Amino acid sequence: MISVIDLALNFGLGASLGIAGGMLGIGGGLIAIPVLGLLYGMNQHLAQGTALVMIAPNVAIGFWRYHQKHPVDLRSVGVAGLCSIGTAWLAARFAVAIDAEVLHYAFALFLLALALYFGWPSRRKTGAPPPPVKEVPGRLMPAIGIASGAVSGFFTIGGGMVVVPALVSLFKMPQTRAQGMALALVVPGAFVALATYGHSGAVDWQVGLPLALGGVLTVSWGVHLAHTLPARLLRVAFSTVLLAAAVTMLVTGGAAAG
């Protein structure tokens, strides 16, 4: 049985991750996965599955808080969300079947690529007015949902990691609005992925449930912080967290993957 001290530590860790996840629009899972590998020696499969226990409710709450500030078209997002369910299930099935070390390095390289993307200097001149926001064509929503579901199922951190940069770059959407829409897209995939990892036995519920409780209580604070920080600072914070997580996983290497 897990001790009271361990419960308290996991709850505190979940609370910290909830704030970070709400602020960055990633449900805290991005940070939770390498942390679980380092603190508990979990392999990549178990770390991703356990993190999903916290990610799934956090992304649902995070989406609702973002939606209150930046309402999204629930009908179009719903279509994309439905499209994400099948690919999330297939990707999760594939992820739990491959070698944990391969998954570990794939996850690290994926984070590194995103960190470099977000950290790349903006070409817009300082003081220049922001470009006009473009509407996302309805015909693209199913494709966005499929891509989101694939990333959600395979890496568990949510397709928002792909959707956010796409919305910001291609449609000039503000960072916070893009994060809210991305969270809406990944909610179905997160729960499907959790069910798939849980069915395969790749979830430590004793660790995951206190993490989830802590995250649920603090994710709204993170969303509030996201709307009070300058967009440039939020982008830098996003890329810094991505880079730190990627480097940590590459340094730990097979020790955390096995």
C-alpha atoms as a PDB file:
ATOM      1  CA  MET A   1       0.000   0.000   0.000  1.00  0.00           C
ATOM      2  CA  ILE A   2       1.171   3.495  -0.758  1.00  0.00           C
ATOM      3  CA  SER A   3       2.083   5.569   2.320  1.00  0.00           C
ATOM      4  CA  VAL A   4       0.445   8.819   3.413  1.00  0.00           C
ATOM      5  CA  ILE A   5       3.711  10.638   2.662  1.00  0.00           C
ATOM      6  CA  ASP A   6       3.768   9.258  -0.869  1.00  0.00           C
ATOM      7  CA  LEU A   7       0.141  10.268  -1.342  1.00  0.00           C
ATOM      8  CA  ALA A   8       0.926  13.807  -0.190  1.00  0.00           C
ATOM      9  CA  LEU A   9       3.989  14.031  -2.448  1.00  0.00           C
ATOM     10  CA  ASN A  10       2.059  12.784  -5.477  1.00  0.00           C
ATOM     11  CA  PHE A  11      -0.780  15.181  -4.717  1.00  0.00           C
ATOM     12  CA  GLY A  12       1.684  18.086  -4.482  1.00  0.00           C
ATOM     13  CA  LEU A  13       3.368  17.031  -7.708  1.00  0.00           C
ATOM     14  CA  GLY A  14      -0.002  16.846  -9.434  1.00  0.00           C
ATOM     15  CA  ALA A  15      -0.915  20.312  -8.158  1.00  0.00           C
ATOM     16  CA  SER A  16       2.313  21.769  -9.586  1.00  0.00           C
ATOM     17  CA  LEU A  17       1.807  20.011 -12.895  1.00  0.00           C
ATOM     18  CA  GLY A  18      -1.797  21.209 -13.032  1.00  0.00           C
ATOM     19  CA  ILE A  19      -0.679  24.840 -12.867  1.00  0.00           C
ATOM     20  CA  ALA A  20       1.969  24.290 -15.539  1.00  0.00           C
ATOM     21  CA  GLY A  21      -0.410  22.334 -17.731  1.00  0.00           C
ATOM     22  CA  GLY A  22      -3.158  24.930 -17.478  1.00  0.00           C
ATOM     23  CA  MET A  23      -0.742  27.735 -18.286  1.00  0.00           C
ATOM     24  CA  LEU A  24       0.814  25.971 -21.262  1.00  0.00           C
ATOM     25  CA  GLY A  25      -2.298  24.172 -22.491  1.00  0.00           C
ATOM     26  CA  ILE A  26      -0.808  20.693 -22.216  1.00  0.00           C
ATOM     27  CA  GLY A  27      -2.497  19.207 -19.143  1.00  0.00           C
ATOM     28  CA  GLY A  28       0.808  18.829 -17.300  1.00  0.00           C
ATOM     29  CA  GLY A  29       1.524  15.528 -19.023  1.00  0.00           C
ATOM     30  CA  LEU A  30       4.500  16.857 -20.922  1.00  0.00           C
ATOM     31  CA  ILE A  31       6.354  17.400 -17.649  1.00  0.00           C
ATOM     32  CA  ALA A  32       4.794  14.471 -15.792  1.00  0.00           C
ATOM     33  CA  ILE A  33       6.141  11.783 -18.132  1.00  0.00           C
ATOM     34  CA  PRO A  34       9.883  12.468 -17.697  1.00  0.00           C
ATOM     35  CA  VAL A  35       9.324  13.227 -13.991  1.00  0.00           C
ATOM     36  CA  LEU A  36       7.642   9.862 -13.419  1.00  0.00           C
ATOM     37  CA  GLY A  37      10.510   8.148 -15.179  1.00  0.00           C
ATOM     38  CA  LEU A  38      13.090   9.900 -13.021  1.00  0.00           C
ATOM     39  CA  LEU A  39      11.318   9.704  -9.652  1.00  0.00           C
ATOM     40  CA  TYR A  40       9.784   6.236  -9.893  1.00  0.00           C
ATOM     41  CA  GLY A  41      11.957   4.517 -12.499  1.00  0.00           C
ATOM     42  CA  MET A  42       8.916   3.908 -14.701  1.00  0.00           C
ATOM     43  CA  ASN A  43       9.526   2.792 -18.245  1.00  0.00           C
ATOM     44  CA  GLN A  44       8.083   4.891 -21.048  1.00  0.00           C
ATOM     45  CA  HIS A  45       4.889   2.856 -21.347  1.00  0.00           C
ATOM     46  CA  LEU A  46       4.068   3.032 -17.643  1.00  0.00           C
ATOM     47  CA  ALA A  47       5.028   6.729 -17.362  1.00  0.00           C
ATOM     48  CA  GLN A  48       2.790   7.692 -20.281  1.00  0.00           C
ATOM     49  CA  GLY A  49      -0.131   5.598 -19.064  1.00  0.00           C
ATOM     50  CA  THR A  50       0.124   6.878 -15.489  1.00  0.00           C
ATOM     51  CA  ALA A  51       0.413  10.485 -16.658  1.00  0.00           C
ATOM     52  CA  LEU A  52      -2.824  10.003 -18.612  1.00  0.00           C
ATOM     53  CA  VAL A  53      -4.731   9.558 -15.346  1.00  0.00           C
ATOM     54  CA  MET A  54      -3.926  13.204 -14.646  1.00  0.00           C
ATOM     55  CA  ILE A  55      -3.955  14.437 -18.245  1.00  0.00           C
ATOM     56  CA  ALA A  56      -7.485  13.307 -19.122  1.00  0.00           C
ATOM     57  CA  PRO A  57      -9.420  15.301 -16.477  1.00  0.00           C
ATOM     58  CA  ASN A  58      -6.977  18.212 -16.662  1.00  0.00           C
ATOM     59  CA  VAL A  59      -7.452  18.775 -20.383  1.00  0.00           C
ATOM     60  CA  ALA A  60     -11.235  18.627 -19.952  1.00  0.00           C
ATOM     61  CA  ILE A  61     -11.175  21.268 -17.204  1.00  0.00           C
ATOM     62  CA  GLY A  62      -8.539  23.308 -19.015  1.00  0.00           C
ATOM     63  CA  PHE A  63     -10.634  23.376 -22.186  1.00  0.00           C
ATOM     64  CA  TRP A  64     -13.703  24.597 -20.327  1.00  0.00           C
ATOM     65  CA  ARG A  65     -11.732  27.421 -18.677  1.00  0.00           C
ATOM     66  CA  TYR A  66     -10.221  28.512 -21.990  1.00  0.00           C
ATOM     67  CA  HIS A  67     -13.641  28.257 -23.645  1.00  0.00           C
ATOM     68  CA  GLN A  68     -15.076  30.666 -21.104  1.00  0.00           C
ATOM     69  CA  LYS A  69     -12.539  33.304 -22.174  1.00  0.00           C
ATOM     70  CA  HIS A  70     -12.228  32.430 -25.874  1.00  0.00           C
ATOM     71  CA  PRO A  71     -15.402  30.586 -26.984  1.00  0.00           C
ATOM     72  CA  VAL A  72     -14.788  28.029 -29.722  1.00  0.00           C
ATOM     73  CA  ASP A  73     -17.226  26.636 -32.283  1.00  0.00           C
ATOM     74  CA  LEU A  74     -18.241  23.488 -30.431  1.00  0.00           C
ATOM     75  CA  ARG A  75     -19.879  21.974 -33.509  1.00  0.00           C
ATOM     76  CA  SER A  76     -16.763  22.088 -35.692  1.00  0.00           C
ATOM     77  CA  VAL A  77     -14.512  21.115 -32.807  1.00  0.00           C
ATOM     78  CA  GLY A  78     -16.892  18.255 -32.033  1.00  0.00           C
ATOM     79  CA  VAL A  79     -16.501  16.905 -35.567  1.00  0.00           C
ATOM     80  CA  ALA A  80     -12.732  17.023 -35.211  1.00  0.00           C
ATOM     81  CA  GLY A  81     -12.940  15.403 -31.786  1.00  0.00           C
ATOM     82  CA  LEU A  82     -14.973  12.501 -33.142  1.00  0.00           C
ATOM     83  CA  CYS A  83     -12.433  12.022 -35.929  1.00  0.00           C
ATOM     84  CA  SER A  84      -9.664  11.887 -33.338  1.00  0.00           C
ATOM     85  CA  ILE A  85     -11.141   8.962 -31.393  1.00  0.00           C
ATOM     86  CA  GLY A  86     -10.322   6.228 -33.901  1.00  0.00           C
ATOM     87  CA  THR A  87      -6.776   7.374 -34.573  1.00  0.00           C
ATOM     88  CA  ALA A  88      -6.149   7.862 -30.844  1.00  0.00           C
ATOM     89  CA  TRP A  89      -7.145   4.251 -30.187  1.00  0.00           C
ATOM     90  CA  LEU A  90      -5.015   2.881 -33.042  1.00  0.00           C
ATOM     91  CA  ALA A  91      -1.998   5.003 -32.062  1.00  0.00           C
ATOM     92  CA  ALA A  92      -2.283   3.986 -28.392  1.00  0.00           C
ATOM     93  CA  ARG A  93      -2.479   0.314 -29.353  1.00  0.00           C
ATOM     94  CA  PHE A  94       0.653   0.751 -31.450  1.00  0.00           C
ATOM     95  CA  ALA A  95       2.477   2.657 -28.701  1.00  0.00           C
ATOM     96  CA  VAL A  96       1.936   0.019 -26.003  1.00  0.00           C
ATOM     97  CA  ALA A  97       3.116  -2.690 -28.400  1.00  0.00           C
ATOM     98  CA  ILE A  98       6.485  -1.220 -29.413  1.00  0.00           C
ATOM     99  CA  ASP A  99       9.724  -1.336 -27.430  1.00  0.00           C
ATOM    100  CA  ALA A 100       9.731   1.079 -24.458  1.00  0.00           C
ATOM    101  CA  GLU A 101      13.186   2.409 -25.314  1.00  0.00           C
ATOM    102  CA  VAL A 102      12.162   3.191 -28.883  1.00  0.00           C
ATOM    103  CA  LEU A 103       9.113   5.023 -27.572  1.00  0.00           C
ATOM    104  CA  HIS A 104      11.285   6.902 -25.066  1.00  0.00           C
ATOM    105  CA  TYR A 105      13.630   8.305 -27.706  1.00  0.00           C
ATOM    106  CA  ALA A 106      10.802   9.028 -30.141  1.00  0.00           C
ATOM    107  CA  PHE A 107       9.066  11.055 -27.429  1.00  0.00           C
ATOM    108  CA  ALA A 108      12.266  12.981 -26.621  1.00  0.00           C
ATOM    109  CA  LEU A 109      12.986  13.812 -30.267  1.00  0.00           C
ATOM    110  CA  PHE A 110       9.382  14.889 -30.798  1.00  0.00           C
ATOM    111  CA  LEU A 111       9.661  17.320 -27.885  1.00  0.00           C
ATOM    112  CA  LEU A 112      13.011  18.594 -29.135  1.00  0.00           C
ATOM    113  CA  ALA A 113      11.585  19.367 -32.588  1.00  0.00           C
ATOM    114  CA  LEU A 114       8.685  21.266 -31.045  1.00  0.00           C
ATOM    115  CA  ALA A 115      11.017  23.161 -28.706  1.00  0.00           C
ATOM    116  CA  LEU A 116      13.106  24.343 -31.643  1.00  0.00           C
ATOM    117  CA  TYR A 117       9.979  25.382 -33.508  1.00  0.00           C
ATOM    118  CA  PHE A 118       8.542  27.399 -30.644  1.00  0.00           C
ATOM    119  CA  GLY A 119      11.918  28.855 -29.734  1.00  0.00           C
ATOM    120  CA  TRP A 120      12.642  30.084 -33.258  1.00  0.00           C
ATOM    121  CA  PRO A 121      12.676  33.904 -33.278  1.00  0.00           C
ATOM    122  CA  SER A 122       9.542  35.501 -34.643  1.00  0.00           C
ATOM    123  CA  ARG A 123       9.929  37.387 -37.928  1.00  0.00           C
ATOM    124  CA  ARG A 124       7.379  39.988 -36.921  1.00  0.00           C
ATOM    125  CA  LYS A 125       8.916  43.319 -36.056  1.00  0.00           C
ATOM    126  CA  THR A 126       8.728  44.513 -32.490  1.00  0.00           C
ATOM    127  CA  GLY A 127       5.777  46.843 -32.040  1.00  0.00           C
ATOM    128  CA  ALA A 128       4.126  45.758 -35.289  1.00  0.00           C
ATOM    129  CA  PRO A 129       0.390  45.059 -35.044  1.00  0.00           C
ATOM    130  CA  PRO A 130      -0.522  41.371 -34.842  1.00  0.00           C
ATOM    131  CA  PRO A 131      -1.608  39.814 -38.141  1.00  0.00           C
ATOM    132  CA  PRO A 132      -5.355  39.298 -38.630  1.00  0.00           C
ATOM    133  CA  VAL A 133      -6.735  36.003 -37.358  1.00  0.00           C
ATOM    134  CA  LYS A 134      -7.955  33.699 -40.120  1.00  0.00           C
ATOM    135  CA  GLU A 135     -10.915  31.377 -39.745  1.00  0.00           C
ATOM    136  CA  VAL A 136     -10.071  27.677 -39.761  1.00  0.00           C
ATOM    137  CA  PRO A 137     -11.877  26.147 -42.776  1.00  0.00           C
ATOM    138  CA  GLY A 138     -14.452  23.578 -41.718  1.00  0.00           C
ATOM    139  CA  ARG A 139     -13.136  21.053 -44.251  1.00  0.00           C
ATOM    140  CA  LEU A 140      -9.814  20.986 -42.410  1.00  0.00           C
ATOM    141  CA  MET A 141     -11.268  20.119 -39.001  1.00  0.00           C
ATOM    142  CA  PRO A 142     -11.498  16.335 -39.624  1.00  0.00           C
ATOM    143  CA  ALA A 143      -7.850  16.258 -40.731  1.00  0.00           C
ATOM    144  CA  ILE A 144      -6.834  18.275 -37.680  1.00  0.00           C
ATOM    145  CA  GLY A 145      -8.782  15.856 -35.502  1.00  0.00           C
ATOM    146  CA  ILE A 146      -7.101  12.825 -37.056  1.00  0.00           C
ATOM    147  CA  ALA A 147      -3.637  14.313 -36.544  1.00  0.00           C
ATOM    148  CA  SER A 148      -4.507  15.319 -32.983  1.00  0.00           C
ATOM    149  CA  GLY A 149      -5.799  11.842 -32.152  1.00  0.00           C
ATOM    150  CA  ALA A 150      -2.700  10.164 -33.543  1.00  0.00           C
ATOM    151  CA  VAL A 151      -0.379  12.253 -31.379  1.00  0.00           C
ATOM    152  CA  SER A 152      -2.660  11.914 -28.343  1.00  0.00           C
ATOM    153  CA  GLY A 153      -2.689   8.145 -28.614  1.00  0.00           C
ATOM    154  CA  PHE A 154       0.994   7.653 -29.333  1.00  0.00           C
ATOM    155  CA  PHE A 155       2.607  10.215 -27.028  1.00  0.00           C
ATOM    156  CA  THR A 156      -0.342  10.731 -24.579  1.00  0.00           C
ATOM    157  CA  ILE A 157       0.581  14.414 -24.119  1.00  0.00           C
ATOM    158  CA  GLY A 158      -2.164  15.420 -26.496  1.00  0.00           C
ATOM    159  CA  GLY A 159      -2.399  16.449 -30.090  1.00  0.00           C
ATOM    160  CA  GLY A 160      -2.346  20.018 -28.861  1.00  0.00           C
ATOM    161  CA  MET A 161       1.400  19.843 -29.259  1.00  0.00           C
ATOM    162  CA  VAL A 162       0.798  19.702 -33.011  1.00  0.00           C
ATOM    163  CA  VAL A 163      -2.447  21.671 -33.202  1.00  0.00           C
ATOM    164  CA  VAL A 164      -1.201  24.741 -31.294  1.00  0.00           C
ATOM    165  CA  PRO A 165       1.747  25.558 -33.599  1.00  0.00           C
ATOM    166  CA  ALA A 166      -0.414  24.865 -36.658  1.00  0.00           C
ATOM    167  CA  LEU A 167      -3.131  27.266 -35.528  1.00  0.00           C
ATOM    168  CA  VAL A 168      -0.628  29.935 -34.486  1.00  0.00           C
ATOM    169  CA  SER A 169       1.478  29.732 -37.659  1.00  0.00           C
ATOM    170  CA  LEU A 170      -1.082  29.033 -40.363  1.00  0.00           C
ATOM    171  CA  PHE A 171      -4.070  30.968 -39.045  1.00  0.00           C
ATOM    172  CA  LYS A 172      -2.336  33.650 -36.929  1.00  0.00           C
ATOM    173  CA  MET A 173      -4.412  32.622 -33.930  1.00  0.00           C
ATOM    174  CA  PRO A 174      -3.383  34.064 -30.535  1.00  0.00           C
ATOM    175  CA  GLN A 175      -1.501  31.569 -28.365  1.00  0.00           C
ATOM    176  CA  THR A 176      -4.157  31.339 -25.664  1.00  0.00           C
ATOM    177  CA  ARG A 177      -7.026  30.885 -28.139  1.00  0.00           C
ATOM    178  CA  ALA A 178      -5.052  28.207 -29.992  1.00  0.00           C
ATOM    179  CA  GLN A 179      -4.371  26.383 -26.719  1.00  0.00           C
ATOM    180  CA  GLY A 180      -8.077  26.414 -25.874  1.00  0.00           C
ATOM    181  CA  MET A 181      -9.079  24.958 -29.238  1.00  0.00           C
ATOM    182  CA  ALA A 182      -6.301  22.376 -29.042  1.00  0.00           C
ATOM    183  CA  LEU A 183      -7.496  21.248 -25.614  1.00  0.00           C
ATOM    184  CA  ALA A 184     -11.006  20.792 -27.008  1.00  0.00           C
ATOM    185  CA  LEU A 185      -9.621  18.537 -29.729  1.00  0.00           C
ATOM    186  CA  VAL A 186      -7.568  16.331 -27.409  1.00  0.00           C
ATOM    187  CA  VAL A 187     -10.207  15.640 -24.739  1.00  0.00           C
ATOM    188  CA  PRO A 188     -11.729  12.595 -26.529  1.00  0.00           C
ATOM    189  CA  GLY A 189      -8.328  11.203 -27.492  1.00  0.00           C
ATOM    190  CA  ALA A 190      -6.986  11.546 -23.949  1.00  0.00           C
ATOM    191  CA  PHE A 191      -9.772   9.403 -22.480  1.00  0.00           C
ATOM    192  CA  VAL A 192      -9.519   6.834 -25.282  1.00  0.00           C
ATOM    193  CA  ALA A 193      -5.752   6.608 -24.781  1.00  0.00           C
ATOM    194  CA  LEU A 194      -6.204   6.215 -21.002  1.00  0.00           C
ATOM    195  CA  ALA A 195      -8.629   3.334 -21.534  1.00  0.00           C
ATOM    196  CA  THR A 196      -6.207   1.664 -23.944  1.00  0.00           C
ATOM    197  CA  TYR A 197      -3.161   2.032 -21.687  1.00  0.00           C
ATOM    198  CA  GLY A 198      -5.209   0.928 -18.682  1.00  0.00           C
ATOM    199  CA  HIS A 199      -6.451  -2.180 -20.513  1.00  0.00           C
ATOM    200  CA  SER A 200      -2.853  -3.117 -21.333  1.00  0.00           C
ATOM    201  CA  GLY A 201      -1.815  -2.740 -17.673  1.00  0.00           C
ATOM    202  CA  ALA A 202       0.439   0.268 -18.371  1.00  0.00           C
ATOM    203  CA  VAL A 203      -1.040   2.475 -15.602  1.00  0.00           C
ATOM    204  CA  ASP A 204       0.008   2.841 -11.953  1.00  0.00           C
ATOM    205  CA  TRP A 205      -3.291   3.970 -10.442  1.00  0.00           C
ATOM    206  CA  GLN A 206      -1.835   4.471  -6.941  1.00  0.00           C
ATOM    207  CA  VAL A 207       0.456   7.169  -8.317  1.00  0.00           C
ATOM    208  CA  GLY A 208      -1.872   8.481 -11.015  1.00  0.00           C
ATOM    209  CA  LEU A 209      -4.973   9.162  -8.912  1.00  0.00           C
ATOM    210  CA  PRO A 210      -3.286  11.528  -6.396  1.00  0.00           C
ATOM    211  CA  LEU A 211      -1.612  13.283  -9.335  1.00  0.00           C
ATOM    212  CA  ALA A 212      -4.990  13.698 -10.982  1.00  0.00           C
ATOM    213  CA  LEU A 213      -6.616  15.085  -7.835  1.00  0.00           C
ATOM    214  CA  GLY A 214      -3.860  17.641  -7.346  1.00  0.00           C
ATOM    215  CA  GLY A 215      -4.006  18.686 -10.994  1.00  0.00           C
ATOM    216  CA  VAL A 216      -7.789  19.041 -11.057  1.00  0.00           C
ATOM    217  CA  LEU A 217      -7.640  21.502  -8.148  1.00  0.00           C
ATOM    218  CA  THR A 218      -4.997  23.760  -9.728  1.00  0.00           C
ATOM    219  CA  VAL A 219      -5.363  23.611 -13.515  1.00  0.00           C
ATOM    220  CA  SER A 220      -7.771  26.572 -13.486  1.00  0.00           C
ATOM    221  CA  TRP A 221      -5.080  28.723 -11.834  1.00  0.00           C
ATOM    222  CA  GLY A 222      -2.744  27.867 -14.683  1.00  0.00           C
ATOM    223  CA  VAL A 223      -5.336  28.899 -17.257  1.00  0.00           C
ATOM    224  CA  HIS A 224      -5.747  32.217 -15.432  1.00  0.00           C
ATOM    225  CA  LEU A 225      -1.974  32.767 -15.536  1.00  0.00           C
ATOM    226  CA  ALA A 226      -1.942  32.077 -19.275  1.00  0.00           C
ATOM    227  CA  HIS A 227      -4.323  34.982 -19.835  1.00  0.00           C
ATOM    228  CA  THR A 228      -2.337  37.393 -17.688  1.00  0.00           C
ATOM    229  CA  LEU A 229       1.110  36.762 -19.195  1.00  0.00           C
ATOM    230  CA  PRO A 230       2.369  38.424 -22.412  1.00  0.00           C
ATOM    231  CA  ALA A 231       2.071  36.182 -25.480  1.00  0.00           C
ATOM    232  CA  ARG A 232       5.831  36.340 -26.144  1.00  0.00           C
ATOM    233  CA  LEU A 233       6.630  35.251 -22.586  1.00  0.00           C
ATOM    234  CA  LEU A 234       4.125  32.393 -22.845  1.00  0.00           C
ATOM    235  CA  ARG A 235       5.767  31.202 -26.068  1.00  0.00           C
ATOM    236  CA  VAL A 236       9.231  31.332 -24.474  1.00  0.00           C
ATOM    237  CA  ALA A 237       7.981  29.444 -21.431  1.00  0.00           C
ATOM    238  CA  PHE A 238       6.401  26.844 -23.698  1.00  0.00           C
ATOM    239  CA  SER A 239       9.595  26.256 -25.680  1.00  0.00           C
ATOM    240  CA  THR A 240      11.755  26.230 -22.528  1.00  0.00           C
ATOM    241  CA  VAL A 241       9.645  23.522 -20.903  1.00  0.00           C
ATOM    242  CA  LEU A 242       9.726  21.483 -24.107  1.00  0.00           C
ATOM    243  CA  LEU A 243      13.492  21.783 -24.386  1.00  0.00           C
ATOM    244  CA  ALA A 244      14.097  20.916 -20.727  1.00  0.00           C
ATOM    245  CA  ALA A 245      11.901  17.832 -20.950  1.00  0.00           C
ATOM    246  CA  ALA A 246      13.551  16.688 -24.191  1.00  0.00           C
ATOM    247  CA  VAL A 247      17.101  17.138 -22.892  1.00  0.00           C
ATOM    248  CA  THR A 248      16.237  15.359 -19.638  1.00  0.00           C
ATOM    249  CA  MET A 249      14.889  12.361 -21.501  1.00  0.00           C
ATOM    250  CA  LEU A 250      17.827  12.196 -23.906  1.00  0.00           C
ATOM    251  CA  VAL A 251      20.313  12.387 -21.016  1.00  0.00           C
ATOM    252  CA  THR A 252      18.581   9.718 -18.940  1.00  0.00           C
ATOM    253  CA  GLY A 253      18.310   7.572 -22.044  1.00  0.00           C
ATOM    254  CA  GLY A 254      17.633   3.899 -21.661  1.00  0.00           C
ATOM    255  CA  ALA A 255      17.724   4.063 -17.868  1.00  0.00           C
ATOM    256  CA  ALA A 256      14.223   5.501 -17.833  1.00  0.00           C
ATOM    257  CA  ALA A 257      13.040   3.581 -20.847  1.00  0.00           C
ATOM    258  CA  GLY A 258      13.765   0.074 -19.739  1.00  0.00           C
END
